[in-house]
Amino acid sequence: TKYVHQKEKLTSQLTLFLMSVYSTLNLDNASPGVMREFLVWKDSTGKTKVHLDSCVFRTQSDKASCKCPIRRAASSLDTLIGQLRAIFRDHGRGSDWNEVLGFGNPMAAPSIKRHLQAVTLEQSK
């Protein structure tokens, strides 16, 4: 199915990211901090223009020719987080993150939820 193919492609991207940025990390030991870095890296592939507060085109709905960044939409980020959470769950990392032990599913960590909230807030302005 399309979902399975997307998950396989995302797993490959994540594995490559972990190997190239952190040669000792993989799906078994990736942390929420590293996963947040992956989300920021993936953000660069977005198609949503996020105007800076100082941008004169900020209130216009058309695609302005300003230098504001193109980012991943918050709803797309939410979907990506869900897919990554499923990848870690299927890999045996469970569904929850234990802050005390520092182990579990890194995509269920509070820092990931805060990251999504921050992106959502930024894009709602």
N, C-alpha and C. Protein backbone atom coordinates (compact mmCIF):
# COMPACT_ATOMS: atom_id res chain seq x y z
N THR A 1 0.83 -1.19 0.00
CA THR A 1 0.00 0.00 0.00
C THR A 1 0.88 1.25 0.00
N LYS A 2 0.23 2.37 -0.24
CA LYS A 2 0.96 3.64 -0.27
C LYS A 2 1.58 3.96 1.09
N TYR A 3 0.84 3.70 2.16
CA TYR A 3 1.33 3.98 3.52
C TYR A 3 2.58 3.15 3.82
N VAL A 4 2.55 1.87 3.47
CA VAL A 4 3.70 0.99 3.71
C VAL A 4 4.92 1.49 2.94
N HIS A 5 4.70 1.88 1.69
CA HIS A 5 5.80 2.40 0.87
C HIS A 5 6.38 3.68 1.48
N GLN A 6 5.50 4.59 1.94
CA GLN A 6 5.97 5.83 2.57
C GLN A 6 6.78 5.53 3.83
N LYS A 7 6.30 4.55 4.62
CA LYS A 7 7.01 4.19 5.84
C LYS A 7 8.38 3.60 5.54
N GLU A 8 8.46 2.76 4.51
CA GLU A 8 9.74 2.17 4.13
C GLU A 8 10.72 3.24 3.66
N LYS A 9 10.22 4.19 2.86
CA LYS A 9 11.06 5.28 2.36
C LYS A 9 11.54 6.15 3.53
N LEU A 10 10.64 6.44 4.45
CA LEU A 10 10.99 7.25 5.61
C LEU A 10 11.99 6.53 6.51
N THR A 11 11.83 5.22 6.67
CA THR A 11 12.78 4.43 7.46
C THR A 11 14.17 4.50 6.83
N SER A 12 14.23 4.41 5.51
CA SER A 12 15.52 4.51 4.81
C SER A 12 16.14 5.88 4.99
N GLN A 13 15.33 6.94 4.87
CA GLN A 13 15.84 8.30 5.06
C GLN A 13 16.37 8.49 6.47
N LEU A 14 15.61 8.01 7.45
CA LEU A 14 16.02 8.15 8.84
C LEU A 14 17.31 7.38 9.11
N THR A 15 17.40 6.16 8.62
CA THR A 15 18.60 5.34 8.82
C THR A 15 19.81 6.03 8.20
N LEU A 16 19.64 6.55 6.99
CA LEU A 16 20.74 7.27 6.33
C LEU A 16 21.13 8.52 7.11
N PHE A 17 20.15 9.26 7.61
CA PHE A 17 20.42 10.46 8.41
C PHE A 17 21.22 10.09 9.65
N LEU A 18 20.78 9.07 10.36
CA LEU A 18 21.46 8.66 11.58
C LEU A 18 22.90 8.22 11.30
N MET A 19 23.08 7.45 10.22
CA MET A 19 24.42 6.96 9.88
C MET A 19 25.35 8.09 9.44
N SER A 20 24.81 9.06 8.70
CA SER A 20 25.67 10.12 8.18
C SER A 20 25.96 11.21 9.20
N VAL A 21 25.01 11.51 10.07
CA VAL A 21 25.22 12.57 11.06
C VAL A 21 25.83 12.01 12.35
N TYR A 22 25.34 10.87 12.77
CA TYR A 22 25.81 10.22 14.01
C TYR A 22 26.13 8.77 13.68
N SER A 23 27.36 8.47 13.35
CA SER A 23 27.71 7.13 12.87
C SER A 23 27.39 6.01 13.86
N THR A 24 27.25 6.34 15.15
CA THR A 24 26.99 5.29 16.14
C THR A 24 25.50 5.12 16.45
N LEU A 25 24.64 5.94 15.85
CA LEU A 25 23.21 5.86 16.16
C LEU A 25 22.44 5.07 15.10
N ASN A 26 21.37 4.45 15.57
CA ASN A 26 20.45 3.73 14.69
C ASN A 26 19.07 3.75 15.33
N LEU A 27 18.14 2.96 14.82
CA LEU A 27 16.78 2.94 15.36
C LEU A 27 16.73 2.42 16.79
N ASP A 28 17.74 1.68 17.20
CA ASP A 28 17.76 1.13 18.57
C ASP A 28 18.11 2.17 19.63
N ASN A 29 18.88 3.19 19.26
CA ASN A 29 19.36 4.12 20.29
C ASN A 29 19.16 5.60 19.96
N ALA A 30 18.33 5.91 18.99
CA ALA A 30 18.05 7.32 18.67
C ALA A 30 17.26 7.96 19.81
N SER A 31 17.61 9.19 20.14
CA SER A 31 16.97 9.91 21.25
C SER A 31 16.00 10.96 20.71
N PRO A 32 15.15 11.52 21.59
CA PRO A 32 14.26 12.59 21.15
C PRO A 32 15.01 13.80 20.58
N GLY A 33 16.16 14.13 21.15
CA GLY A 33 16.94 15.26 20.64
C GLY A 33 17.41 15.04 19.22
N VAL A 34 17.89 13.84 18.94
CA VAL A 34 18.34 13.50 17.60
C VAL A 34 17.14 13.49 16.64
N MET A 35 16.02 12.99 17.11
CA MET A 35 14.83 12.94 16.26
C MET A 35 14.31 14.34 15.97
N ARG A 36 14.47 15.24 16.90
CA ARG A 36 14.07 16.63 16.65
C ARG A 36 14.96 17.23 15.56
N GLU A 37 16.25 16.89 15.58
CA GLU A 37 17.15 17.33 14.51
C GLU A 37 16.71 16.77 13.16
N PHE A 38 16.26 15.52 13.15
CA PHE A 38 15.76 14.92 11.91
C PHE A 38 14.52 15.68 11.42
N LEU A 39 13.63 16.05 12.33
CA LEU A 39 12.43 16.80 11.95
C LEU A 39 12.81 18.16 11.35
N VAL A 40 13.80 18.81 11.94
CA VAL A 40 14.26 20.10 11.42
C VAL A 40 14.86 19.91 10.03
N TRP A 41 15.62 18.85 9.85
CA TRP A 41 16.21 18.55 8.54
C TRP A 41 15.11 18.29 7.51
N LYS A 42 14.11 17.50 7.88
CA LYS A 42 12.99 17.20 6.98
C LYS A 42 12.17 18.45 6.67
N ASP A 43 12.18 19.40 7.60
CA ASP A 43 11.41 20.63 7.43
C ASP A 43 11.83 21.38 6.17
N SER A 44 13.08 21.22 5.77
CA SER A 44 13.59 21.92 4.59
C SER A 44 12.97 21.42 3.29
N THR A 45 12.23 20.32 3.34
CA THR A 45 11.60 19.78 2.13
C THR A 45 10.15 20.23 2.00
N GLY A 46 9.74 21.17 2.82
CA GLY A 46 8.35 21.62 2.83
C GLY A 46 7.99 22.52 1.66
N LYS A 47 6.70 22.86 1.58
CA LYS A 47 6.19 23.71 0.50
C LYS A 47 5.37 24.88 1.03
N THR A 48 5.37 25.08 2.34
CA THR A 48 4.56 26.14 2.95
C THR A 48 5.43 27.35 3.26
N LYS A 49 5.04 28.51 2.72
CA LYS A 49 5.79 29.74 3.00
C LYS A 49 5.41 30.23 4.39
N VAL A 50 6.41 30.41 5.24
CA VAL A 50 6.19 30.91 6.60
C VAL A 50 6.80 32.30 6.67
N HIS A 51 5.92 33.31 6.63
CA HIS A 51 6.39 34.70 6.62
C HIS A 51 6.91 35.10 7.99
N LEU A 52 8.00 35.84 7.98
CA LEU A 52 8.54 36.41 9.20
C LEU A 52 7.62 37.55 9.64
N ASP A 53 7.65 37.87 10.92
CA ASP A 53 6.80 38.95 11.45
C ASP A 53 7.04 40.26 10.72
N SER A 54 8.25 40.49 10.27
CA SER A 54 8.61 41.75 9.62
C SER A 54 8.30 41.78 8.12
N CYS A 55 7.82 40.68 7.55
CA CYS A 55 7.58 40.59 6.11
C CYS A 55 6.35 41.42 5.71
N VAL A 56 6.50 42.22 4.65
CA VAL A 56 5.38 43.05 4.18
C VAL A 56 4.29 42.20 3.51
N PHE A 57 4.62 40.99 3.11
CA PHE A 57 3.65 40.10 2.47
C PHE A 57 2.93 39.19 3.46
N ARG A 58 3.18 39.40 4.73
CA ARG A 58 2.69 38.51 5.79
C ARG A 58 1.18 38.30 5.77
N THR A 59 0.42 39.31 5.46
CA THR A 59 -1.05 39.22 5.50
C THR A 59 -1.66 38.77 4.18
N GLN A 60 -0.84 38.55 3.17
CA GLN A 60 -1.37 38.14 1.87
C GLN A 60 -1.38 36.63 1.76
N SER A 61 -2.39 36.09 1.09
CA SER A 61 -2.53 34.64 1.00
C SER A 61 -1.81 34.06 -0.21
N ASP A 62 -1.48 34.89 -1.21
CA ASP A 62 -0.80 34.35 -2.39
C ASP A 62 0.68 34.10 -2.09
N LYS A 63 1.31 33.34 -2.96
CA LYS A 63 2.73 33.04 -2.77
C LYS A 63 3.54 34.28 -3.15
N ALA A 64 3.93 35.00 -2.16
CA ALA A 64 4.69 36.23 -2.38
C ALA A 64 6.13 35.91 -2.74
N SER A 65 6.75 36.83 -3.47
CA SER A 65 8.14 36.62 -3.87
C SER A 65 9.09 37.23 -2.85
N CYS A 66 8.88 36.91 -1.61
CA CYS A 66 9.76 37.39 -0.54
C CYS A 66 10.78 36.30 -0.20
N LYS A 67 11.68 36.61 0.69
CA LYS A 67 12.75 35.67 1.07
C LYS A 67 12.41 34.85 2.31
N CYS A 68 11.14 34.85 2.72
CA CYS A 68 10.74 34.07 3.90
C CYS A 68 10.91 32.58 3.61
N PRO A 69 11.18 31.80 4.65
CA PRO A 69 11.48 30.38 4.44
C PRO A 69 10.27 29.55 3.98
N ILE A 70 10.58 28.53 3.21
CA ILE A 70 9.59 27.53 2.81
C ILE A 70 9.77 26.37 3.78
N ARG A 71 8.70 25.98 4.43
CA ARG A 71 8.78 24.96 5.48
C ARG A 71 7.71 23.90 5.26
N ARG A 72 7.78 22.88 6.05
CA ARG A 72 6.77 21.83 6.06
C ARG A 72 5.58 22.34 6.86
N ALA A 73 4.36 22.14 6.36
CA ALA A 73 3.16 22.57 7.08
C ALA A 73 3.03 21.81 8.39
N ALA A 74 2.46 22.45 9.40
CA ALA A 74 2.31 21.82 10.72
C ALA A 74 1.53 20.52 10.63
N SER A 75 0.51 20.47 9.78
CA SER A 75 -0.28 19.24 9.64
C SER A 75 0.56 18.12 9.02
N SER A 76 1.43 18.49 8.09
CA SER A 76 2.34 17.52 7.48
C SER A 76 3.37 17.03 8.49
N LEU A 77 3.84 17.94 9.34
CA LEU A 77 4.77 17.57 10.41
C LEU A 77 4.11 16.60 11.39
N ASP A 78 2.86 16.85 11.71
CA ASP A 78 2.11 15.97 12.60
C ASP A 78 2.01 14.57 12.01
N THR A 79 1.73 14.49 10.72
CA THR A 79 1.66 13.19 10.03
C THR A 79 3.02 12.50 10.05
N LEU A 80 4.08 13.26 9.80
CA LEU A 80 5.44 12.72 9.82
C LEU A 80 5.78 12.16 11.19
N ILE A 81 5.42 12.88 12.24
CA ILE A 81 5.67 12.42 13.61
C ILE A 81 4.93 11.11 13.86
N GLY A 82 3.69 11.02 13.39
CA GLY A 82 2.92 9.78 13.54
C GLY A 82 3.57 8.61 12.81
N GLN A 83 4.07 8.86 11.61
CA GLN A 83 4.74 7.80 10.85
C GLN A 83 6.02 7.35 11.56
N LEU A 84 6.79 8.31 12.05
CA LEU A 84 8.03 7.97 12.76
C LEU A 84 7.73 7.22 14.05
N ARG A 85 6.68 7.62 14.71
CA ARG A 85 6.27 6.93 15.95
C ARG A 85 5.94 5.46 15.64
N ALA A 86 5.24 5.23 14.53
CA ALA A 86 4.90 3.86 14.12
C ALA A 86 6.16 3.07 13.75
N ILE A 87 7.11 3.72 13.11
CA ILE A 87 8.36 3.05 12.75
C ILE A 87 9.09 2.57 14.00
N PHE A 88 9.20 3.44 15.00
CA PHE A 88 9.87 3.04 16.24
C PHE A 88 9.07 1.98 17.00
N ARG A 89 7.76 2.09 16.98
CA ARG A 89 6.92 1.07 17.64
C ARG A 89 7.13 -0.29 16.98
N ASP A 90 7.10 -0.31 15.65
CA ASP A 90 7.29 -1.56 14.91
C ASP A 90 8.70 -2.11 15.09
N HIS A 91 9.63 -1.24 15.43
CA HIS A 91 11.02 -1.66 15.65
C HIS A 91 11.25 -2.17 17.08
N GLY A 92 10.19 -2.14 17.89
CA GLY A 92 10.30 -2.67 19.25
C GLY A 92 10.56 -1.63 20.32
N ARG A 93 10.39 -0.36 20.00
CA ARG A 93 10.66 0.70 20.97
C ARG A 93 9.40 1.11 21.75
N GLY A 94 8.30 0.43 21.55
CA GLY A 94 7.08 0.71 22.30
C GLY A 94 6.33 1.92 21.80
N SER A 95 5.35 2.36 22.59
CA SER A 95 4.51 3.49 22.20
C SER A 95 4.75 4.74 23.05
N ASP A 96 5.49 4.60 24.14
CA ASP A 96 5.69 5.71 25.07
C ASP A 96 7.18 5.98 25.27
N TRP A 97 7.47 7.18 25.75
CA TRP A 97 8.84 7.56 26.09
C TRP A 97 8.93 7.72 27.60
N ASN A 98 9.92 7.08 28.22
CA ASN A 98 10.13 7.18 29.65
C ASN A 98 11.25 8.19 29.91
N GLU A 99 10.87 9.36 30.43
CA GLU A 99 11.84 10.43 30.69
C GLU A 99 12.88 10.01 31.72
N VAL A 100 12.46 9.25 32.73
CA VAL A 100 13.37 8.84 33.81
C VAL A 100 14.44 7.90 33.28
N LEU A 101 14.03 6.89 32.53
CA LEU A 101 14.97 5.91 31.98
C LEU A 101 15.64 6.41 30.70
N GLY A 102 15.02 7.40 30.05
CA GLY A 102 15.56 7.89 28.79
C GLY A 102 15.47 6.85 27.70
N PHE A 103 14.37 6.09 27.70
CA PHE A 103 14.21 5.05 26.69
C PHE A 103 12.75 4.87 26.33
N GLY A 104 12.52 4.29 25.19
CA GLY A 104 11.17 4.05 24.69
C GLY A 104 11.08 4.60 23.28
N ASN A 105 9.91 5.09 22.93
CA ASN A 105 9.69 5.64 21.60
C ASN A 105 10.03 7.13 21.63
N PRO A 106 11.13 7.53 21.00
CA PRO A 106 11.55 8.94 21.07
C PRO A 106 10.53 9.91 20.47
N MET A 107 9.68 9.43 19.57
CA MET A 107 8.69 10.31 18.95
C MET A 107 7.51 10.58 19.88
N ALA A 108 7.45 9.88 21.01
CA ALA A 108 6.40 10.12 22.01
C ALA A 108 6.88 11.01 23.14
N ALA A 109 8.10 11.51 23.03
CA ALA A 109 8.68 12.34 24.09
C ALA A 109 8.03 13.72 24.13
N PRO A 110 7.95 14.31 25.32
CA PRO A 110 7.37 15.66 25.45
C PRO A 110 8.07 16.71 24.57
N SER A 111 9.37 16.58 24.36
CA SER A 111 10.09 17.57 23.54
C SER A 111 9.61 17.55 22.09
N ILE A 112 9.21 16.39 21.59
CA ILE A 112 8.68 16.29 20.23
C ILE A 112 7.31 16.97 20.16
N LYS A 113 6.50 16.74 21.18
CA LYS A 113 5.17 17.38 21.24
C LYS A 113 5.32 18.90 21.31
N ARG A 114 6.29 19.37 22.09
CA ARG A 114 6.53 20.82 22.19
C ARG A 114 7.01 21.39 20.85
N HIS A 115 7.83 20.62 20.14
CA HIS A 115 8.31 21.06 18.83
C HIS A 115 7.12 21.25 17.88
N LEU A 116 6.21 20.28 17.85
CA LEU A 116 5.03 20.38 17.00
C LEU A 116 4.17 21.58 17.41
N GLN A 117 4.00 21.78 18.70
CA GLN A 117 3.21 22.92 19.18
C GLN A 117 3.85 24.25 18.76
N ALA A 118 5.17 24.33 18.83
CA ALA A 118 5.87 25.56 18.45
C ALA A 118 5.71 25.84 16.95
N VAL A 119 5.83 24.81 16.13
CA VAL A 119 5.66 24.97 14.69
C VAL A 119 4.22 25.39 14.37
N THR A 120 3.26 24.75 15.02
CA THR A 120 1.85 25.09 14.82
C THR A 120 1.58 26.54 15.20
N LEU A 121 2.11 26.96 16.32
CA LEU A 121 1.93 28.34 16.78
C LEU A 121 2.57 29.33 15.81
N GLU A 122 3.78 29.01 15.37
CA GLU A 122 4.49 29.89 14.44
C GLU A 122 3.70 30.07 13.15
N GLN A 123 3.12 28.99 12.65
CA GLN A 123 2.40 29.05 11.38
C GLN A 123 1.00 29.64 11.51
N SER A 124 0.49 29.74 12.72
CA SER A 124 -0.85 30.30 12.91
C SER A 124 -0.84 31.82 12.95
N LYS A 125 0.33 32.42 13.01
CA LYS A 125 0.44 33.89 13.10
C LYS A 125 0.15 34.55 11.77
